[in-house]
Amino acid sequence: MKIQNVIENLVENAIKFNDKKEKRVKISGHSVDDKFIQMEIADNGPGIPSEEHEKIFQKFYQVEEYFTGKVEGIGLGLPLAKRLVEVHGGKIWAESKLGEGSTFYFTLPKTE
């Protein structure tokens, strides 16, 4: 799995878990400082409850109230993305508001 796969997984999730007619996904990136870059993938989906933000990165975990049974998947995409980002020396996290959408962030060290 490559960093490209992390981005693809986050974009696919942004679309797959969004039940709105008009789905929006915004991808952006910028330099945080002289050592790290940060990528952001934002959507206009249903959002994720704040108490679930850490749990969604656990193997086989899905946000029961909103998604279980509605969307196919086994809950491995985000844990794999987290592992890959961490192996490369970065961090990944989510911020979200119910009814407004979610933004997934990850940082990676800059390379020469």
N, C-alpha and C. Protein backbone atom coordinates (compact mmCIF):
# COMPACT_ATOMS: atom_id res chain seq x y z
N MET A 1 0.86 -1.19 0.00
CA MET A 1 0.00 0.00 0.00
C MET A 1 0.89 1.24 0.00
N LYS A 2 0.57 2.18 -0.85
CA LYS A 2 1.35 3.41 -0.99
C LYS A 2 0.53 4.59 -0.47
N ILE A 3 1.19 5.73 -0.35
CA ILE A 3 0.51 6.94 0.10
C ILE A 3 -0.65 7.26 -0.84
N GLN A 4 -0.49 7.00 -2.12
CA GLN A 4 -1.58 7.20 -3.07
C GLN A 4 -2.81 6.41 -2.65
N ASN A 5 -2.59 5.20 -2.12
CA ASN A 5 -3.70 4.38 -1.65
C ASN A 5 -4.42 5.00 -0.45
N VAL A 6 -3.68 5.72 0.39
CA VAL A 6 -4.30 6.41 1.53
C VAL A 6 -5.28 7.45 1.00
N ILE A 7 -4.83 8.26 0.04
CA ILE A 7 -5.68 9.30 -0.53
C ILE A 7 -6.89 8.66 -1.21
N GLU A 8 -6.66 7.62 -2.01
CA GLU A 8 -7.76 6.94 -2.69
C GLU A 8 -8.78 6.40 -1.69
N ASN A 9 -8.31 5.79 -0.61
CA ASN A 9 -9.20 5.24 0.40
C ASN A 9 -10.04 6.32 1.05
N LEU A 10 -9.43 7.45 1.39
CA LEU A 10 -10.16 8.53 2.04
C LEU A 10 -11.20 9.15 1.09
N VAL A 11 -10.84 9.28 -0.18
CA VAL A 11 -11.79 9.82 -1.16
C VAL A 11 -12.94 8.82 -1.38
N GLU A 12 -12.61 7.55 -1.53
CA GLU A 12 -13.66 6.53 -1.71
C GLU A 12 -14.61 6.51 -0.52
N ASN A 13 -14.08 6.60 0.70
CA ASN A 13 -14.93 6.64 1.89
C ASN A 13 -15.81 7.89 1.89
N ALA A 14 -15.24 9.02 1.49
CA ALA A 14 -16.01 10.27 1.47
C ALA A 14 -17.22 10.15 0.54
N ILE A 15 -17.07 9.41 -0.53
CA ILE A 15 -18.17 9.21 -1.48
C ILE A 15 -19.10 8.10 -0.99
N LYS A 16 -18.52 6.97 -0.59
CA LYS A 16 -19.30 5.79 -0.20
C LYS A 16 -20.20 6.04 1.00
N PHE A 17 -19.72 6.78 1.98
CA PHE A 17 -20.49 6.99 3.20
C PHE A 17 -21.35 8.24 3.16
N ASN A 18 -21.44 8.88 2.02
CA ASN A 18 -22.23 10.10 1.87
C ASN A 18 -23.55 9.74 1.19
N ASP A 19 -24.65 9.98 1.88
CA ASP A 19 -25.95 9.64 1.30
C ASP A 19 -26.64 10.85 0.67
N LYS A 20 -25.93 11.97 0.57
CA LYS A 20 -26.52 13.16 -0.04
C LYS A 20 -26.53 13.02 -1.56
N LYS A 21 -27.48 13.67 -2.19
CA LYS A 21 -27.59 13.62 -3.65
C LYS A 21 -26.36 14.27 -4.29
N GLU A 22 -25.97 15.43 -3.79
CA GLU A 22 -24.79 16.12 -4.32
C GLU A 22 -23.62 15.90 -3.38
N LYS A 23 -22.75 14.99 -3.76
CA LYS A 23 -21.58 14.67 -2.95
C LYS A 23 -20.42 15.60 -3.33
N ARG A 24 -19.76 16.15 -2.31
CA ARG A 24 -18.61 17.01 -2.56
C ARG A 24 -17.40 16.49 -1.78
N VAL A 25 -16.26 16.45 -2.46
CA VAL A 25 -15.01 16.06 -1.83
C VAL A 25 -13.96 17.08 -2.25
N LYS A 26 -13.24 17.60 -1.27
CA LYS A 26 -12.18 18.57 -1.55
C LYS A 26 -10.86 17.98 -1.04
N ILE A 27 -9.87 17.97 -1.91
CA ILE A 27 -8.54 17.48 -1.55
C ILE A 27 -7.58 18.65 -1.61
N SER A 28 -6.82 18.83 -0.55
CA SER A 28 -5.83 19.91 -0.55
C SER A 28 -4.61 19.48 0.25
N GLY A 29 -3.54 20.17 0.02
CA GLY A 29 -2.31 19.89 0.73
C GLY A 29 -1.49 21.14 0.87
N HIS A 30 -0.69 21.19 1.90
CA HIS A 30 0.19 22.34 2.10
C HIS A 30 1.35 21.95 3.00
N SER A 31 2.35 22.80 2.99
CA SER A 31 3.50 22.62 3.85
C SER A 31 3.16 23.12 5.25
N VAL A 32 3.40 22.30 6.25
CA VAL A 32 3.14 22.70 7.64
C VAL A 32 4.31 23.52 8.16
N ASP A 33 5.50 23.04 7.89
CA ASP A 33 6.73 23.72 8.27
C ASP A 33 7.83 23.17 7.37
N ASP A 34 9.07 23.35 7.76
CA ASP A 34 10.15 22.87 6.89
C ASP A 34 10.34 21.35 6.96
N LYS A 35 9.58 20.67 7.83
CA LYS A 35 9.75 19.22 7.97
C LYS A 35 8.55 18.39 7.53
N PHE A 36 7.34 18.97 7.53
CA PHE A 36 6.14 18.18 7.26
C PHE A 36 5.22 18.82 6.24
N ILE A 37 4.51 17.96 5.51
CA ILE A 37 3.39 18.39 4.66
C ILE A 37 2.11 17.85 5.29
N GLN A 38 1.00 18.49 4.98
CA GLN A 38 -0.29 18.03 5.49
C GLN A 38 -1.28 17.93 4.34
N MET A 39 -1.96 16.80 4.25
CA MET A 39 -3.01 16.59 3.27
C MET A 39 -4.35 16.64 3.99
N GLU A 40 -5.38 17.14 3.28
CA GLU A 40 -6.72 17.21 3.84
C GLU A 40 -7.72 16.71 2.80
N ILE A 41 -8.61 15.84 3.23
CA ILE A 41 -9.69 15.34 2.39
C ILE A 41 -10.99 15.65 3.13
N ALA A 42 -11.78 16.56 2.58
CA ALA A 42 -13.01 17.02 3.23
C ALA A 42 -14.22 16.62 2.41
N ASP A 43 -15.33 16.33 3.10
CA ASP A 43 -16.56 15.97 2.41
C ASP A 43 -17.76 16.67 3.04
N ASN A 44 -18.89 16.54 2.39
CA ASN A 44 -20.13 17.13 2.89
C ASN A 44 -21.10 16.04 3.36
N GLY A 45 -20.55 14.93 3.82
CA GLY A 45 -21.35 13.79 4.25
C GLY A 45 -22.04 14.00 5.59
N PRO A 46 -22.50 12.90 6.19
CA PRO A 46 -23.29 12.99 7.42
C PRO A 46 -22.49 13.36 8.65
N GLY A 47 -21.18 13.25 8.57
CA GLY A 47 -20.35 13.53 9.73
C GLY A 47 -20.20 12.31 10.62
N ILE A 48 -19.28 12.42 11.56
CA ILE A 48 -18.97 11.32 12.48
C ILE A 48 -19.03 11.89 13.89
N PRO A 49 -19.74 11.23 14.79
CA PRO A 49 -19.80 11.73 16.17
C PRO A 49 -18.40 11.85 16.77
N SER A 50 -18.16 12.88 17.56
CA SER A 50 -16.83 13.14 18.10
C SER A 50 -16.28 11.97 18.92
N GLU A 51 -17.15 11.25 19.61
CA GLU A 51 -16.68 10.12 20.41
C GLU A 51 -16.21 8.94 19.55
N GLU A 52 -16.45 9.00 18.26
CA GLU A 52 -16.04 7.93 17.34
C GLU A 52 -14.74 8.25 16.60
N HIS A 53 -14.23 9.47 16.69
CA HIS A 53 -13.10 9.90 15.88
C HIS A 53 -11.87 9.00 16.02
N GLU A 54 -11.57 8.54 17.21
CA GLU A 54 -10.42 7.64 17.40
C GLU A 54 -10.77 6.21 17.02
N LYS A 55 -11.98 5.79 17.32
CA LYS A 55 -12.40 4.40 17.10
C LYS A 55 -12.41 4.01 15.63
N ILE A 56 -12.68 4.96 14.74
CA ILE A 56 -12.79 4.62 13.32
C ILE A 56 -11.48 4.12 12.73
N PHE A 57 -10.37 4.34 13.44
CA PHE A 57 -9.07 3.87 12.97
C PHE A 57 -8.73 2.49 13.52
N GLN A 58 -9.66 1.86 14.24
CA GLN A 58 -9.47 0.51 14.77
C GLN A 58 -9.97 -0.51 13.74
N LYS A 59 -9.29 -1.65 13.67
CA LYS A 59 -9.68 -2.71 12.73
C LYS A 59 -11.13 -3.13 12.95
N PHE A 60 -11.83 -3.29 11.86
CA PHE A 60 -13.20 -3.81 11.80
C PHE A 60 -14.25 -2.89 12.43
N TYR A 61 -13.87 -1.67 12.81
CA TYR A 61 -14.83 -0.78 13.47
C TYR A 61 -15.58 0.05 12.43
N GLN A 62 -16.88 0.16 12.60
CA GLN A 62 -17.70 1.05 11.79
C GLN A 62 -18.63 1.79 12.73
N VAL A 63 -18.99 2.99 12.37
CA VAL A 63 -19.88 3.79 13.19
C VAL A 63 -21.28 3.19 13.07
N GLU A 64 -21.66 2.43 14.07
CA GLU A 64 -22.91 1.65 14.05
C GLU A 64 -24.14 2.47 13.69
N GLU A 65 -24.34 3.54 14.40
CA GLU A 65 -25.57 4.32 14.28
C GLU A 65 -25.83 4.81 12.85
N TYR A 66 -24.77 5.07 12.11
CA TYR A 66 -24.93 5.70 10.80
C TYR A 66 -24.71 4.77 9.62
N PHE A 67 -23.82 3.80 9.76
CA PHE A 67 -23.39 3.09 8.56
C PHE A 67 -23.60 1.59 8.54
N THR A 68 -23.56 0.92 9.64
CA THR A 68 -23.60 -0.53 9.64
C THR A 68 -24.83 -1.04 8.90
N GLY A 69 -24.57 -1.89 7.94
CA GLY A 69 -25.65 -2.44 7.15
C GLY A 69 -26.04 -1.59 5.95
N LYS A 70 -25.65 -0.33 5.94
CA LYS A 70 -26.02 0.56 4.83
C LYS A 70 -24.95 0.57 3.74
N VAL A 71 -23.71 0.36 4.15
CA VAL A 71 -22.59 0.46 3.22
C VAL A 71 -21.74 -0.80 3.36
N GLU A 72 -21.36 -1.36 2.22
CA GLU A 72 -20.50 -2.54 2.26
C GLU A 72 -19.10 -2.16 2.69
N GLY A 73 -18.51 -3.02 3.46
CA GLY A 73 -17.14 -2.81 3.93
C GLY A 73 -16.94 -3.59 5.21
N ILE A 74 -15.66 -3.81 5.53
CA ILE A 74 -15.37 -4.58 6.74
C ILE A 74 -14.58 -3.77 7.76
N GLY A 75 -14.33 -2.52 7.50
CA GLY A 75 -13.67 -1.68 8.48
C GLY A 75 -12.16 -1.83 8.52
N LEU A 76 -11.53 -2.02 7.37
CA LEU A 76 -10.07 -2.14 7.33
C LEU A 76 -9.38 -0.97 6.64
N GLY A 77 -10.10 -0.19 5.85
CA GLY A 77 -9.47 0.88 5.08
C GLY A 77 -8.78 1.92 5.93
N LEU A 78 -9.46 2.45 6.94
CA LEU A 78 -8.85 3.48 7.78
C LEU A 78 -7.72 2.94 8.65
N PRO A 79 -7.86 1.74 9.25
CA PRO A 79 -6.72 1.21 10.00
C PRO A 79 -5.48 1.00 9.12
N LEU A 80 -5.68 0.54 7.89
CA LEU A 80 -4.54 0.36 6.98
C LEU A 80 -3.93 1.71 6.60
N ALA A 81 -4.78 2.70 6.36
CA ALA A 81 -4.29 4.04 6.04
C ALA A 81 -3.48 4.59 7.21
N LYS A 82 -3.99 4.42 8.42
CA LYS A 82 -3.29 4.89 9.62
C LYS A 82 -1.93 4.23 9.74
N ARG A 83 -1.90 2.93 9.57
CA ARG A 83 -0.63 2.19 9.68
C ARG A 83 0.38 2.68 8.65
N LEU A 84 -0.06 2.87 7.42
CA LEU A 84 0.85 3.30 6.37
C LEU A 84 1.39 4.70 6.65
N VAL A 85 0.53 5.61 7.05
CA VAL A 85 0.96 6.98 7.37
C VAL A 85 1.97 6.94 8.52
N GLU A 86 1.68 6.16 9.55
CA GLU A 86 2.58 6.08 10.70
C GLU A 86 3.92 5.44 10.34
N VAL A 87 3.91 4.43 9.47
CA VAL A 87 5.15 3.80 9.02
C VAL A 87 6.05 4.82 8.32
N HIS A 88 5.43 5.77 7.64
CA HIS A 88 6.18 6.82 6.95
C HIS A 88 6.50 8.01 7.86
N GLY A 89 6.20 7.90 9.15
CA GLY A 89 6.55 8.95 10.09
C GLY A 89 5.52 10.05 10.24
N GLY A 90 4.29 9.80 9.81
CA GLY A 90 3.25 10.81 9.89
C GLY A 90 2.16 10.48 10.89
N LYS A 91 1.14 11.32 10.90
CA LYS A 91 -0.03 11.14 11.76
C LYS A 91 -1.28 11.31 10.91
N ILE A 92 -2.37 10.68 11.34
CA ILE A 92 -3.65 10.82 10.64
C ILE A 92 -4.74 11.01 11.70
N TRP A 93 -5.71 11.86 11.39
CA TRP A 93 -6.82 12.10 12.31
C TRP A 93 -8.01 12.65 11.55
N ALA A 94 -9.14 12.70 12.23
CA ALA A 94 -10.38 13.19 11.62
C ALA A 94 -10.99 14.28 12.49
N GLU A 95 -11.63 15.23 11.83
CA GLU A 95 -12.46 16.22 12.49
C GLU A 95 -13.79 16.20 11.76
N SER A 96 -14.88 16.36 12.49
CA SER A 96 -16.18 16.19 11.87
C SER A 96 -17.27 16.90 12.66
N LYS A 97 -18.32 17.30 11.94
CA LYS A 97 -19.52 17.85 12.56
C LYS A 97 -20.71 17.09 11.98
N LEU A 98 -21.54 16.58 12.87
CA LEU A 98 -22.72 15.84 12.40
C LEU A 98 -23.58 16.73 11.51
N GLY A 99 -23.97 16.18 10.37
CA GLY A 99 -24.81 16.89 9.42
C GLY A 99 -24.06 17.83 8.50
N GLU A 100 -22.76 18.03 8.74
CA GLU A 100 -21.99 18.96 7.92
C GLU A 100 -20.86 18.31 7.14
N GLY A 101 -20.35 17.19 7.64
CA GLY A 101 -19.28 16.52 6.94
C GLY A 101 -18.06 16.26 7.80
N SER A 102 -17.06 15.67 7.17
CA SER A 102 -15.83 15.29 7.86
C SER A 102 -14.63 15.76 7.07
N THR A 103 -13.54 15.97 7.79
CA THR A 103 -12.25 16.24 7.16
C THR A 103 -11.24 15.30 7.77
N PHE A 104 -10.55 14.57 6.91
CA PHE A 104 -9.47 13.70 7.34
C PHE A 104 -8.16 14.39 6.99
N TYR A 105 -7.26 14.40 7.95
CA TYR A 105 -5.96 15.03 7.79
C TYR A 105 -4.88 13.97 7.96
N PHE A 106 -3.79 14.13 7.22
CA PHE A 106 -2.61 13.35 7.56
C PHE A 106 -1.37 14.15 7.21
N THR A 107 -0.34 13.93 8.03
CA THR A 107 0.93 14.60 7.81
C THR A 107 1.96 13.56 7.42
N LEU A 108 2.94 14.02 6.67
CA LEU A 108 4.07 13.18 6.29
C LEU A 108 5.33 14.03 6.32
N PRO A 109 6.46 13.43 6.68
CA PRO A 109 7.70 14.19 6.64
C PRO A 109 8.09 14.47 5.19
N LYS A 110 8.66 15.65 4.99
CA LYS A 110 9.17 15.99 3.65
C LYS A 110 10.41 15.16 3.38
N THR A 111 10.60 14.83 2.11
CA THR A 111 11.81 14.11 1.71
C THR A 111 12.60 14.97 0.75
N GLU A 112 13.85 14.66 0.66
CA GLU A 112 14.74 15.42 -0.24
C GLU A 112 14.43 15.12 -1.68
